Amino acid sequence: MGWDDDDDDMNFNFDDLSPEENERIEREMREKDEKIHTHPLYLKAEEIFKIVRTMSETLEKEEREMHLRTLLESAMMLAPKFAGAMTSESWLLSMQNASIMRYHAQYLHTSTSMLHEISGVPKEYVKVLRTEMEEFRSLFKEWVKAFKDLDDEGIDDEWGLFLRK
């Protein structure tokens, strides 16, 4: 499937559904949403964002712009990418989202090593962030084990990065 393929199969008219089908779809969407927002990895991602945001708020504007903008951006990526992977039943799409999450989590974790010296972030915040990132990594590793049960749905990774054996 290429980028220029027709999207005719994406034209779905919800008006054609019966009230029962609409209700079923809405119930399934609520259940998925609940599953996402109560998952330990999602909750940890939210906690990490709050910590980084609090760290940012302790600094002067110039320091915040110079050193913590990228940390905030990475912290903001964790929860939405998790949600994207959780709503997909595709191995490939889950792997893509998980890879993006890993990149941003790894960036956050490695950035803590000089955060206090460079930005003047209180050491207590740095220690808390490191602890949270270690917990995130542990939860992440457990979560990705479930990917083996996902369907590859015949989706081909046109970039050749993810090859399923």
Protein backbone atom coordinates (compact mmCIF):
# COMPACT_ATOMS: atom_id res chain seq x y z
CA MET A 1 0.00 0.00 0.00
CA GLY A 2 1.59 3.27 -1.06
CA TRP A 3 1.00 6.84 -0.01
CA ASP A 4 -0.78 7.59 -3.24
CA ASP A 5 -3.31 4.75 -2.88
CA ASP A 6 -6.97 5.64 -2.86
CA ASP A 7 -8.58 6.21 0.49
CA ASP A 8 -11.97 5.02 -0.70
CA ASP A 9 -12.13 2.45 2.07
CA MET A 10 -11.85 5.30 4.60
CA ASN A 11 -15.21 6.79 3.64
CA PHE A 12 -17.39 5.52 6.45
CA ASN A 13 -20.85 6.92 6.94
CA PHE A 14 -21.98 6.69 10.56
CA ASP A 15 -25.53 7.56 9.47
CA ASP A 16 -25.81 4.06 8.00
CA LEU A 17 -25.45 2.45 11.43
CA SER A 18 -28.36 1.27 13.48
CA PRO A 19 -28.84 2.80 16.94
CA GLU A 20 -27.63 -0.48 18.45
CA GLU A 21 -24.45 -0.41 16.37
CA ASN A 22 -23.85 3.22 17.31
CA GLU A 23 -24.31 2.36 20.97
CA ARG A 24 -21.96 -0.63 20.70
CA ILE A 25 -19.27 1.46 19.02
CA GLU A 26 -19.58 4.22 21.61
CA ARG A 27 -19.38 1.66 24.44
CA GLU A 28 -16.27 0.08 22.92
CA MET A 29 -14.66 3.51 22.53
CA ARG A 30 -15.40 4.35 26.20
CA GLU A 31 -13.94 1.01 27.29
CA LYS A 32 -10.76 1.56 25.27
CA ASP A 33 -10.46 5.08 26.64
CA GLU A 34 -10.84 3.79 30.19
CA LYS A 35 -8.27 1.05 29.56
CA ILE A 36 -5.78 3.62 28.26
CA HIS A 37 -6.26 6.21 31.00
CA THR A 38 -6.01 3.70 33.84
CA HIS A 39 -3.02 1.79 32.50
CA PRO A 40 0.07 2.11 34.76
CA LEU A 41 2.29 3.17 31.85
CA TYR A 42 -0.09 5.98 30.86
CA LEU A 43 -0.34 7.14 34.47
CA LYS A 44 3.46 7.10 34.75
CA ALA A 45 3.77 9.13 31.53
CA GLU A 46 1.37 11.70 32.97
CA GLU A 47 3.39 11.84 36.19
CA ILE A 48 6.63 12.35 34.25
CA PHE A 49 5.08 15.23 32.33
CA LYS A 50 3.96 16.87 35.60
CA ILE A 51 7.46 16.54 37.06
CA VAL A 52 9.15 18.04 33.99
CA ARG A 53 6.58 20.85 33.88
CA THR A 54 7.19 21.58 37.58
CA MET A 55 10.94 21.57 36.99
CA SER A 56 10.44 24.01 34.15
CA GLU A 57 8.36 26.33 36.32
CA THR A 58 11.16 26.58 38.89
CA LEU A 59 13.51 28.22 36.39
CA GLU A 60 13.82 31.67 34.98
CA LYS A 61 12.29 32.13 31.53
CA GLU A 62 15.65 32.17 29.70
CA GLU A 63 16.83 28.96 31.36
CA ARG A 64 13.49 27.32 30.73
CA GLU A 65 13.60 28.18 27.05
CA MET A 66 17.20 27.07 26.63
CA HIS A 67 17.28 23.82 28.54
CA LEU A 68 13.88 22.47 29.33
CA ARG A 69 11.87 23.06 26.18
CA THR A 70 13.05 19.82 24.61
CA LEU A 71 12.49 17.96 27.87
CA LEU A 72 8.92 19.21 27.97
CA GLU A 73 8.41 18.22 24.35
CA SER A 74 9.67 14.71 25.06
CA ALA A 75 7.57 14.40 28.20
CA MET A 76 4.50 15.49 26.22
CA MET A 77 5.01 12.71 23.66
CA LEU A 78 4.83 9.73 26.02
CA ALA A 79 1.11 9.58 26.85
CA PRO A 80 -0.28 10.29 23.36
CA LYS A 81 2.02 7.76 21.70
CA PHE A 82 0.99 5.20 24.30
CA ALA A 83 -2.67 5.93 23.58
CA GLY A 84 -2.02 5.55 19.85
CA ALA A 85 -0.40 2.17 20.36
CA MET A 86 -3.16 1.01 22.67
CA THR A 87 -5.92 1.91 20.22
CA SER A 88 -4.19 0.04 17.43
CA GLU A 89 -4.40 -3.69 17.12
CA SER A 90 -1.58 -3.64 14.60
CA TRP A 91 1.86 -4.88 15.55
CA LEU A 92 3.53 -2.44 13.17
CA LEU A 93 1.69 0.65 14.39
CA SER A 94 2.23 -0.34 18.01
CA MET A 95 5.96 -0.81 17.36
CA GLN A 96 6.20 2.58 15.66
CA ASN A 97 4.54 4.33 18.60
CA ALA A 98 6.57 2.35 21.13
CA SER A 99 9.79 3.30 19.34
CA ILE A 100 8.91 6.98 19.51
CA MET A 101 8.08 6.59 23.19
CA ARG A 102 11.38 4.84 23.85
CA TYR A 103 13.32 7.60 22.09
CA HIS A 104 11.68 10.35 24.15
CA ALA A 105 11.91 8.41 27.41
CA GLN A 106 15.57 7.66 26.80
CA TYR A 107 16.21 11.32 26.02
CA LEU A 108 14.53 12.36 29.27
CA HIS A 109 16.51 9.83 31.27
CA THR A 110 19.90 10.68 29.81
CA SER A 111 19.23 14.41 30.10
CA THR A 112 19.02 14.16 33.87
CA SER A 113 22.77 13.62 34.22
CA MET A 114 23.67 17.30 33.79
CA LEU A 115 20.30 18.93 34.43
CA HIS A 116 21.19 20.37 37.82
CA GLU A 117 24.56 21.73 36.73
CA ILE A 118 23.39 23.21 33.43
CA SER A 119 19.96 24.52 34.33
CA GLY A 120 20.02 24.85 38.08
CA VAL A 121 17.11 22.45 38.51
CA PRO A 122 16.97 21.44 42.17
CA LYS A 123 18.66 18.09 42.77
CA GLU A 124 15.52 16.73 44.39
CA TYR A 125 13.57 17.16 41.13
CA VAL A 126 16.34 15.51 39.15
CA LYS A 127 16.35 12.54 41.53
CA VAL A 128 12.56 12.21 41.32
CA LEU A 129 12.66 12.35 37.52
CA ARG A 130 15.36 9.67 37.38
CA THR A 131 13.32 7.40 39.63
CA GLU A 132 10.19 7.94 37.56
CA MET A 133 12.07 7.23 34.34
CA GLU A 134 13.40 3.94 35.74
CA GLU A 135 9.86 2.96 36.73
CA PHE A 136 8.63 4.00 33.27
CA ARG A 137 11.25 1.79 31.62
CA SER A 138 10.22 -1.19 33.73
CA LEU A 139 6.52 -0.69 32.91
CA PHE A 140 7.38 -0.14 29.23
CA LYS A 141 9.32 -3.39 28.99
CA GLU A 142 6.41 -5.29 30.49
CA TRP A 143 3.91 -3.58 28.18
CA VAL A 144 5.75 -4.34 24.92
CA LYS A 145 5.76 -8.05 25.72
CA ALA A 146 2.06 -8.02 24.79
CA PHE A 147 2.91 -6.94 21.22
CA LYS A 148 3.71 -10.52 20.23
CA ASP A 149 -0.02 -11.24 20.31
CA LEU A 150 -0.91 -8.39 17.94
CA ASP A 151 -1.83 -8.97 14.34
CA ASP A 152 0.41 -7.62 11.64
CA GLU A 153 -2.68 -7.31 9.42
CA GLY A 154 -0.56 -7.59 6.33
CA ILE A 155 0.64 -4.03 6.81
CA ASP A 156 4.02 -3.66 5.21
CA ASP A 157 6.57 -1.32 6.71
CA GLU A 158 7.46 0.53 3.53
CA TRP A 159 10.55 1.94 5.27
CA GLY A 160 11.94 -1.51 6.11
CA LEU A 161 12.62 -0.63 9.73
CA PHE A 162 10.26 -3.11 11.38
CA LEU A 163 10.41 -6.61 10.03
CA ARG A 164 8.37 -9.20 11.82
CA LYS A 165 9.83 -12.68 11.85
